[in-house]
Amino acid sequence: VGMPKRAGKRKTSVKVQNKHSNKLKRRRNEAEKSRKKESVAKRFKKNNKNGNRSNHRSSKIDKEENKKPWFAEDEEEQEKEIPIIKMEEDKTPFNYDQVEESDEELPYERMPRSADKWKKQQRKAQALPIKTQSGEIVRQEMEKEDKISQEMKMKTVEEKEKPAKRKKEMKKKNTQLSRAQAAMREIRAVNSAKEKLAEIAELILQDPQKYVAKLEEIAKMRENSKILQVRKFALLTEVEIYKDIIPGYRIVLPSAEELKKTVTKQVAMQRHFEASLMKNYTSLIRYLTTIARQMKKRNKIPPMGFPCVAGLSVLLHAAHAFNLRKEIIRSIIPHLNHHNEAIRNNVLHGVRKLFKMDATGESTLEVIRLISTFAIDQGHQVK
């Protein structure tokens, strides 16, 4: 039985690389030797042509002694091919007086002094040719724009646009902030007005004769406030306060002669209460009736239209035995034929309550008469 064969040694990657590099070095050395032999042969041929055939052995020795690398020999050959002209220096000074004036340009003056023309030609690009009426084709040229110039232009445009964009963005942000801030301020103002109206209403309902002058503060809020919600709340609170305060009789204010007479403290307080009550109540009724007339003429509902109609319908049945009853009836009854259904229903609800609450029947009679005259005027075309 033969011996088992040994496994061959594995060649590492380092050994393979060393073999490859050694092969490359050998090839380079052989190429250099061949180049040196060719250069020696060329020199030998040149020397034979010029008659320098003697001393062939000595020339070989000299050549071997004065050997140079192959790349230096090629440079020497190139230098030999270029002719070198030596100019003798003229040491005589130049006499400017001998130069004759002439319009002819000297050759050195005609030589180009810069590369502007070449740069201009590079900047120009050929465009589409144009054919004239005579049939000639004319070439056109256009100036190129360098990438740097294009980038600079783009940057300048962007720099100009950036501040405008920033201003627009800042304006949008400011408008958004201003709107949000205004909304927050309005909410705070409405809440503070509600608290103030509630405090005034509590004081007046606790002691009407003492705090009747507080009705003027509510009237000022109703007329002078810039916020619509505050004006609406002030009007509705004022109506509800009068609904509870108003007596079940008509107030007759004393004349000038009666005011001169001496009266008791209680009578004086009662007169003061009735006078201030009538003053504020008349201002409220005038405000409500003016808005009701505007709604009748324009066929448009103003912002304070709905609360005014609601207030008049409440006072129609709550103050039917009090002063200014006719003004309320004349201003509210025409709205029974209003184009808005909500307003019609609100007025109808007030009229029905009046018919139930009126014991004497005076106010109901006035309402029925006004409705009949209104229907006749409208040609019985009533909603």
Protein backbone atom coordinates (compact mmCIF):
# COMPACT_ATOMS: atom_id res chain seq x y z
CA VAL A 1 0.00 0.00 0.00
CA GLY A 2 1.44 3.33 -1.09
CA MET A 3 2.00 6.23 1.29
CA PRO A 4 -0.88 8.77 1.51
CA LYS A 5 -0.36 11.89 -0.45
CA ARG A 6 0.31 15.02 1.52
CA ALA A 7 -1.99 17.91 1.02
CA GLY A 8 -0.38 20.72 -0.97
CA LYS A 9 0.61 23.86 0.81
CA ARG A 10 -1.82 26.66 0.38
CA LYS A 11 -0.43 29.75 -1.23
CA THR A 12 -1.11 32.87 0.79
CA SER A 13 -2.21 36.15 -0.79
CA VAL A 14 1.10 37.83 0.20
CA LYS A 15 3.17 35.31 -1.81
CA VAL A 16 0.94 35.78 -4.85
CA GLN A 17 1.38 39.54 -4.65
CA ASN A 18 5.19 39.22 -4.35
CA LYS A 19 5.35 37.01 -7.45
CA HIS A 20 3.27 39.48 -9.41
CA SER A 21 5.46 42.44 -8.37
CA ASN A 22 8.67 40.56 -9.28
CA LYS A 23 7.33 39.86 -12.75
CA LEU A 24 6.53 43.53 -13.26
CA LYS A 25 10.05 44.58 -12.16
CA ARG A 26 11.67 42.14 -14.62
CA ARG A 27 9.59 43.47 -17.49
CA ARG A 28 10.55 47.07 -16.63
CA ASN A 29 14.27 46.23 -16.50
CA GLU A 30 14.08 44.51 -19.88
CA ALA A 31 12.29 47.51 -21.41
CA GLU A 32 14.97 49.90 -20.07
CA LYS A 33 17.79 47.77 -21.52
CA SER A 34 16.13 47.70 -24.93
CA ARG A 35 15.71 51.50 -24.89
CA LYS A 36 19.40 51.99 -24.02
CA LYS A 37 20.53 49.75 -26.90
CA GLU A 38 18.34 51.68 -29.36
CA SER A 39 19.72 55.05 -28.21
CA VAL A 40 23.35 53.75 -28.60
CA ALA A 41 22.58 52.56 -32.11
CA LYS A 42 21.13 55.92 -33.09
CA ARG A 43 24.21 57.79 -31.87
CA PHE A 44 26.51 55.42 -33.72
CA LYS A 45 24.72 56.01 -37.00
CA LYS A 46 24.90 59.81 -36.60
CA ASN A 47 28.63 59.71 -35.95
CA ASN A 48 29.21 57.60 -39.09
CA LYS A 49 27.33 60.09 -41.24
CA ASN A 50 29.41 63.05 -40.00
CA GLY A 51 32.72 61.24 -40.73
CA ASN A 52 33.59 60.31 -37.22
CA ARG A 53 34.18 56.62 -37.94
CA SER A 54 37.67 56.49 -36.51
CA ASN A 55 38.45 55.25 -33.09
CA HIS A 56 35.36 53.12 -32.89
CA ARG A 57 36.62 51.37 -29.78
CA SER A 58 37.49 54.64 -28.03
CA SER A 59 34.05 56.06 -28.89
CA LYS A 60 32.46 52.93 -27.42
CA ILE A 61 34.46 53.36 -24.23
CA ASP A 62 33.58 57.06 -24.07
CA LYS A 63 29.95 56.26 -24.64
CA GLU A 64 29.97 53.65 -21.93
CA GLU A 65 31.68 56.07 -19.57
CA ASN A 66 29.36 58.98 -20.38
CA LYS A 67 26.18 56.95 -20.17
CA LYS A 68 23.02 58.87 -19.24
CA PRO A 69 19.49 57.76 -18.49
CA TRP A 70 17.13 57.28 -21.40
CA PHE A 71 14.84 60.17 -20.50
CA ALA A 72 17.81 62.65 -20.40
CA GLU A 73 18.92 61.57 -23.89
CA ASP A 74 15.44 62.29 -25.31
CA GLU A 75 15.50 65.77 -23.81
CA GLU A 76 18.90 66.48 -25.38
CA GLU A 77 17.62 65.39 -28.77
CA GLN A 78 14.65 67.77 -28.47
CA GLU A 79 16.99 70.65 -27.52
CA LYS A 80 19.20 69.91 -30.57
CA GLU A 81 16.23 70.09 -32.91
CA ILE A 82 15.30 73.64 -31.68
CA PRO A 83 17.62 76.18 -33.40
CA ILE A 84 19.28 78.67 -31.06
CA ILE A 85 20.08 82.07 -32.54
CA LYS A 86 22.60 84.24 -30.73
CA MET A 87 22.13 87.97 -31.17
CA GLU A 88 25.10 90.26 -30.91
CA GLU A 89 24.53 93.02 -28.40
CA ASP A 90 24.50 96.47 -29.91
CA LYS A 91 26.19 98.68 -27.36
CA THR A 92 25.60 101.89 -29.29
CA PRO A 93 23.00 104.16 -27.61
CA PHE A 94 19.64 104.66 -29.35
CA ASN A 95 19.11 108.12 -30.87
CA TYR A 96 15.47 109.14 -30.67
CA ASP A 97 16.04 112.16 -32.96
CA GLN A 98 16.76 109.91 -35.94
CA VAL A 99 13.28 108.29 -35.75
CA GLU A 100 11.01 109.61 -38.47
CA GLU A 101 7.36 110.30 -37.68
CA SER A 102 5.04 108.08 -39.71
CA ASP A 103 1.49 106.71 -39.48
CA GLU A 104 2.61 103.19 -40.31
CA GLU A 105 2.40 100.71 -37.45
CA LEU A 106 5.50 98.79 -36.59
CA PRO A 107 5.31 95.00 -36.30
CA TYR A 108 5.67 95.03 -32.49
CA GLU A 109 2.74 97.46 -32.32
CA ARG A 110 0.55 95.05 -34.24
CA MET A 111 1.24 92.20 -31.85
CA PRO A 112 -1.61 91.43 -29.39
CA ARG A 113 -0.91 92.71 -25.89
CA SER A 114 -3.64 90.75 -24.05
CA ALA A 115 -5.95 87.81 -24.43
CA ASP A 116 -9.18 89.86 -24.40
CA LYS A 117 -10.15 88.82 -27.92
CA TRP A 118 -9.64 85.17 -27.11
CA LYS A 119 -11.73 85.53 -23.96
CA LYS A 120 -14.48 87.30 -25.89
CA GLN A 121 -14.52 84.55 -28.51
CA GLN A 122 -14.82 81.94 -25.78
CA ARG A 123 -17.69 83.85 -24.21
CA LYS A 124 -19.57 83.90 -27.53
CA ALA A 125 -21.71 80.95 -28.55
CA GLN A 126 -23.16 80.20 -31.96
CA ALA A 127 -26.89 80.68 -32.25
CA LEU A 128 -29.29 79.55 -34.97
CA PRO A 129 -28.47 81.14 -38.37
CA ILE A 130 -30.89 83.49 -40.14
CA LYS A 131 -31.70 83.44 -43.83
CA THR A 132 -32.15 86.91 -45.38
CA GLN A 133 -34.50 87.84 -48.24
CA SER A 134 -31.62 87.70 -50.73
CA GLY A 135 -30.93 84.08 -49.71
CA GLU A 136 -27.77 84.70 -47.71
CA ILE A 137 -27.31 82.79 -44.47
CA VAL A 138 -26.10 84.98 -41.65
CA ARG A 139 -24.58 83.41 -38.60
CA GLN A 140 -25.43 84.73 -35.19
CA GLU A 141 -23.47 84.76 -31.99
CA MET A 142 -24.61 85.11 -28.42
CA GLU A 143 -22.65 85.75 -25.28
CA LYS A 144 -22.33 82.84 -22.93
CA GLU A 145 -23.07 83.26 -19.29
CA ASP A 146 -20.56 81.64 -17.00
CA LYS A 147 -21.76 79.36 -14.24
CA ILE A 148 -20.30 81.76 -11.71
CA SER A 149 -22.21 84.73 -13.16
CA GLN A 150 -25.42 82.70 -13.27
CA GLU A 151 -24.95 81.66 -9.65
CA MET A 152 -24.26 85.26 -8.66
CA LYS A 153 -27.43 86.41 -10.43
CA MET A 154 -29.46 83.70 -8.74
CA LYS A 155 -28.00 84.69 -5.38
CA THR A 156 -28.83 88.36 -5.94
CA VAL A 157 -32.40 87.49 -6.94
CA GLU A 158 -32.77 85.26 -3.89
CA GLU A 159 -31.30 87.95 -1.63
CA LYS A 160 -33.80 90.46 -3.03
CA GLU A 161 -36.70 88.03 -2.63
CA LYS A 162 -35.72 86.94 0.88
CA PRO A 163 -36.56 90.23 2.66
CA ALA A 164 -39.91 90.44 0.84
CA LYS A 165 -40.75 86.86 1.85
CA ARG A 166 -39.65 87.57 5.40
CA LYS A 167 -41.83 90.69 5.54
CA LYS A 168 -44.86 88.74 4.27
CA GLU A 169 -44.24 85.96 6.79
CA MET A 170 -43.83 88.50 9.59
CA LYS A 171 -47.05 90.26 8.54
CA LYS A 172 -48.94 86.95 8.53
CA LYS A 173 -47.56 86.07 11.95
CA ASN A 174 -48.38 89.54 13.28
CA THR A 175 -51.92 89.39 11.88
CA GLN A 176 -52.45 85.94 13.38
CA LEU A 177 -51.06 87.09 16.71
CA SER A 178 -53.10 90.30 16.62
CA ARG A 179 -56.28 88.36 15.84
CA ALA A 180 -55.65 85.90 18.64
CA GLN A 181 -54.76 88.69 21.05
CA ALA A 182 -57.88 90.65 20.05
CA ALA A 183 -60.06 87.58 20.57
CA MET A 184 -58.54 86.97 24.01
CA ARG A 185 -59.01 90.63 24.96
CA GLU A 186 -62.63 90.53 23.78
CA ILE A 187 -63.35 87.39 25.83
CA ARG A 188 -61.81 89.00 28.91
CA ALA A 189 -63.81 92.20 28.37
CA VAL A 190 -67.07 90.24 27.96
CA ASN A 191 -66.43 88.25 31.13
CA SER A 192 -65.60 91.36 33.14
CA ALA A 193 -68.75 93.10 31.76
CA LYS A 194 -70.90 90.12 32.77
CA GLU A 195 -69.55 90.25 36.32
CA LYS A 196 -70.13 94.00 36.51
CA LEU A 197 -73.73 93.70 35.18
CA ALA A 198 -74.49 90.93 37.67
CA GLU A 199 -73.23 93.05 40.58
CA ILE A 200 -75.29 96.08 39.51
CA ALA A 201 -78.42 93.97 38.99
CA GLU A 202 -78.09 92.43 42.48
CA LEU A 203 -77.72 95.85 44.11
CA ILE A 204 -80.74 97.33 42.27
CA LEU A 205 -83.00 94.36 43.01
CA GLN A 206 -82.01 94.42 46.70
CA ASP A 207 -82.89 98.12 47.16
CA PRO A 208 -84.34 99.84 44.04
CA GLN A 209 -84.86 103.26 45.67
CA LYS A 210 -81.25 103.42 46.90
CA TYR A 211 -79.45 102.09 43.80
CA VAL A 212 -81.75 103.28 41.01
CA ALA A 213 -78.99 105.59 39.75
CA LYS A 214 -76.98 102.46 38.78
CA LEU A 215 -79.31 102.07 35.79
CA GLU A 216 -77.33 104.86 34.09
CA GLU A 217 -74.17 102.71 34.19
CA ILE A 218 -75.96 99.89 32.37
CA ALA A 219 -77.31 102.37 29.79
CA LYS A 220 -73.77 103.67 29.16
CA MET A 221 -72.50 100.12 28.61
CA ARG A 222 -75.40 99.50 26.20
CA GLU A 223 -74.70 102.63 24.13
CA ASN A 224 -70.93 103.19 24.36
CA SER A 225 -69.42 99.70 24.43
CA LYS A 226 -67.47 98.70 21.28
CA ILE A 227 -68.10 94.98 21.80
CA LEU A 228 -71.43 93.75 20.43
CA GLN A 229 -71.88 91.00 23.03
CA VAL A 230 -71.47 93.47 25.88
CA ARG A 231 -74.16 95.72 24.38
CA LYS A 232 -76.54 92.76 24.01
CA PHE A 233 -75.99 91.60 27.59
CA ALA A 234 -76.46 95.14 28.90
CA LEU A 235 -79.77 95.53 27.02
CA LEU A 236 -81.19 92.20 28.20
CA THR A 237 -80.16 92.82 31.84
CA GLU A 238 -81.72 96.27 31.70
CA VAL A 239 -85.01 94.82 30.39
CA GLU A 240 -85.07 92.14 33.09
CA ILE A 241 -84.40 94.74 35.81
CA TYR A 242 -87.28 96.95 34.60
CA LYS A 243 -89.53 93.89 34.43
CA ASP A 244 -89.04 93.41 38.22
CA ILE A 245 -88.87 97.10 39.27
CA ILE A 246 -91.72 98.66 37.28
CA PRO A 247 -94.85 99.32 39.41
CA GLY A 248 -98.36 98.30 38.31
CA TYR A 249 -99.49 101.91 37.78
CA ARG A 250 -98.59 104.92 35.72
CA ILE A 251 -96.16 107.42 37.19
CA VAL A 252 -97.25 111.07 37.13
CA LEU A 253 -94.31 113.35 37.84
CA PRO A 254 -94.95 116.36 40.13
CA SER A 255 -95.20 119.81 38.62
CA ALA A 256 -92.95 122.78 39.46
CA GLU A 257 -95.44 124.13 42.02
CA GLU A 258 -95.69 120.78 43.78
CA LEU A 259 -91.92 120.51 43.98
CA LYS A 260 -91.79 123.81 45.89
CA LYS A 261 -93.96 122.42 48.68
CA THR A 262 -92.36 120.79 51.69
CA VAL A 263 -92.89 117.05 51.95
CA THR A 264 -91.75 114.23 54.19
CA LYS A 265 -88.54 112.31 53.71
CA GLN A 266 -90.29 109.20 52.39
CA VAL A 267 -92.25 111.19 49.78
CA ALA A 268 -89.07 112.93 48.64
CA MET A 269 -87.30 109.58 48.26
CA GLN A 270 -90.28 108.18 46.31
CA ARG A 271 -90.29 111.17 43.97
CA HIS A 272 -86.54 110.83 43.39
CA PHE A 273 -86.95 107.12 42.60
CA GLU A 274 -89.86 107.70 40.19
CA ALA A 275 -88.07 110.54 38.39
CA SER A 276 -84.82 108.59 37.88
CA LEU A 277 -86.81 105.49 36.86
CA MET A 278 -88.82 107.39 34.24
CA LYS A 279 -85.70 109.07 32.90
CA ASN A 280 -83.82 105.80 32.31
CA TYR A 281 -86.94 103.96 31.12
CA THR A 282 -87.77 106.58 28.46
CA SER A 283 -84.17 106.43 27.15
CA LEU A 284 -84.47 102.64 26.86
CA ILE A 285 -87.82 102.78 25.02
CA ARG A 286 -86.48 105.39 22.58
CA TYR A 287 -83.47 103.18 21.83
CA LEU A 288 -85.68 100.11 21.24
CA THR A 289 -88.24 101.92 19.07
CA THR A 290 -85.58 103.52 16.82
CA ILE A 291 -84.01 100.14 16.05
CA ALA A 292 -87.47 98.59 15.44
CA ARG A 293 -88.30 101.35 12.91
CA GLN A 294 -84.98 100.79 11.13
CA MET A 295 -85.80 97.10 10.77
CA LYS A 296 -89.20 97.98 9.29
CA LYS A 297 -87.80 100.38 6.65
CA ARG A 298 -84.63 98.60 5.49
CA ASN A 299 -85.83 94.98 5.60
CA LYS A 300 -82.44 94.18 7.11
CA ILE A 301 -81.78 92.93 10.62
CA PRO A 302 -79.16 95.08 12.39
CA PRO A 303 -76.78 93.48 14.89
CA MET A 304 -78.94 94.65 17.81
CA GLY A 305 -82.23 93.70 16.09
CA PHE A 306 -82.98 90.38 17.76
CA PRO A 307 -82.32 91.55 21.37
CA CYS A 308 -84.37 94.72 20.76
CA VAL A 309 -87.40 92.75 19.52
CA ALA A 310 -87.02 90.36 22.47
CA GLY A 311 -86.92 93.30 24.90
CA LEU A 312 -90.00 94.95 23.37
CA SER A 313 -91.98 91.67 23.47
CA VAL A 314 -91.09 91.25 27.16
CA LEU A 315 -92.05 94.84 28.04
CA LEU A 316 -95.29 94.51 26.04
CA HIS A 317 -96.80 92.14 28.60
CA ALA A 318 -94.65 93.10 31.63
CA ALA A 319 -95.25 96.89 31.41
CA HIS A 320 -98.74 96.98 29.83
CA ALA A 321 -100.06 99.06 32.77
CA PHE A 322 -97.00 101.38 32.87
CA ASN A 323 -96.04 104.48 30.94
CA LEU A 324 -95.16 104.53 27.22
CA ARG A 325 -97.43 101.57 26.44
CA LYS A 326 -98.57 102.98 23.07
CA GLU A 327 -94.98 103.50 21.85
CA ILE A 328 -94.17 99.85 22.57
CA ILE A 329 -97.32 98.56 20.79
CA ARG A 330 -96.82 100.75 17.69
CA SER A 331 -93.18 99.68 17.31
CA ILE A 332 -93.63 95.93 17.83
CA ILE A 333 -97.01 94.98 16.23
CA PRO A 334 -95.83 95.56 12.58
CA HIS A 335 -93.15 92.88 13.15
CA LEU A 336 -95.86 90.22 13.25
CA ASN A 337 -95.56 90.33 9.44
CA HIS A 338 -91.71 90.25 9.41
CA HIS A 339 -89.94 88.08 6.82
CA ASN A 340 -87.88 86.39 9.56
CA GLU A 341 -89.79 83.60 11.27
CA ALA A 342 -87.88 83.88 14.58
CA ILE A 343 -88.85 87.54 14.97
CA ARG A 344 -92.49 86.82 14.11
CA ASN A 345 -92.69 84.01 16.68
CA ASN A 346 -91.07 86.18 19.35
CA VAL A 347 -93.61 89.01 18.86
CA LEU A 348 -96.52 86.54 18.72
CA HIS A 349 -95.40 85.02 22.03
CA GLY A 350 -95.44 88.50 23.64
CA VAL A 351 -98.91 89.30 22.27
CA ARG A 352 -100.35 86.01 23.59
CA LYS A 353 -98.93 86.68 27.06
CA LEU A 354 -100.45 90.17 26.98
CA PHE A 355 -103.89 88.80 26.19
CA LYS A 356 -103.63 86.42 29.18
CA MET A 357 -102.25 88.96 31.68
CA ASP A 358 -104.35 92.03 30.78
CA ALA A 359 -107.20 92.21 33.29
CA THR A 360 -108.64 95.57 32.25
CA GLY A 361 -108.47 94.90 28.48
CA GLU A 362 -107.23 98.39 27.56
CA SER A 363 -103.88 97.26 26.13
CA THR A 364 -105.45 94.28 24.30
CA LEU A 365 -107.95 96.62 22.65
CA GLU A 366 -105.16 98.88 21.43
CA VAL A 367 -103.26 95.88 20.04
CA ILE A 368 -106.33 94.54 18.15
CA ARG A 369 -107.08 97.95 16.64
CA LEU A 370 -103.48 98.34 15.46
CA ILE A 371 -103.45 94.82 13.94
CA SER A 372 -106.68 95.51 11.99
CA THR A 373 -105.41 98.83 10.60
CA PHE A 374 -102.09 97.22 9.65
CA ALA A 375 -103.89 94.37 7.82
CA ILE A 376 -106.09 96.85 5.90
CA ASP A 377 -102.99 98.84 4.88
CA GLN A 378 -101.29 95.66 3.64
CA GLY A 379 -104.38 94.58 1.67
CA HIS A 380 -104.91 91.62 3.99
CA GLN A 381 -101.69 90.06 2.58
CA VAL A 382 -100.32 89.13 5.98
CA LYS A 383 -98.05 86.22 6.88
